[in-house]
């Protein structure tokens, strides 16, 4: 009973953290009124989580969009500033960012609360979890370098459609007259993501998000996250059975360090903090 209660407290605390992040990332309130994209000095800085640069309220840049833009403009040179920024985020936090600092992750969790039948993780979802690495290589690396355009932002990103595309179109009559097949495709992708997230926990995060794929490489070495006391652990795997992500062990590449597994560990072997 007590462990379940503590787990609920941690879950609410994490959701508050995601909500606060969403507000801080998009605190240019007047942008939502006049439909203009903020272009101040802070737009040269990236936030840790996925958040569209073109959102009318965004005061900073998205690391994923900035990386694509840098690759498209670098003429096959390494974009050291952007790589350094993402590596720094990854080394300190890894996928803690996905669990605590991503507004779109927060939205996915809200959608999952809708009263629809749920798909539990299984062999198929674990296989699909590797799709995000394919998307990373193709749409974030290959297309920007070959076609010189941000492939993921242009063709897939549902966060960009929700945060920027739809609001800007609603507020700008000129944009409404320019809508075409690409915008319809992006709206379709967004709708499919919403449906998927309503029946499958964090479907976008697990199967599609290339930013999560990047941060997953740093999970084993990140300074902060969930850790297991090997002396206390009995290998019962209660934590893995309870986890909604496609994890095989605490802290692996699919772990978002939400901390909820600690509430079901019978030995109290799981804790969060500096690793």
Foldseek 3Di string as FASTA:
>chain_A
DVLQVVLVVLLVVLLVLQVVLVCVQQVQVCLLVQVAQDDDPQQDDEDLAAAPSQQSRGSYHHLLQVLLLCLLPVQPDHPVVSVVNLVVCLQAAQLLCLRRNYNVLSVLQVLQPPPDAADFDDPVLLVLLCQQVVCCCPQRHPCCNPVVHRRCLQQADLNCCVRHVVSSVVNDVVVVVVDDDSNVNSVVNNVVLSVCSNHAPPSCLRRHDNSLVSSLVSQVNHFWAKDFDPVQDPPPCQLVVPDRWNDPDGRHSGHSRSVSSCSRRPRSGMDTDTD
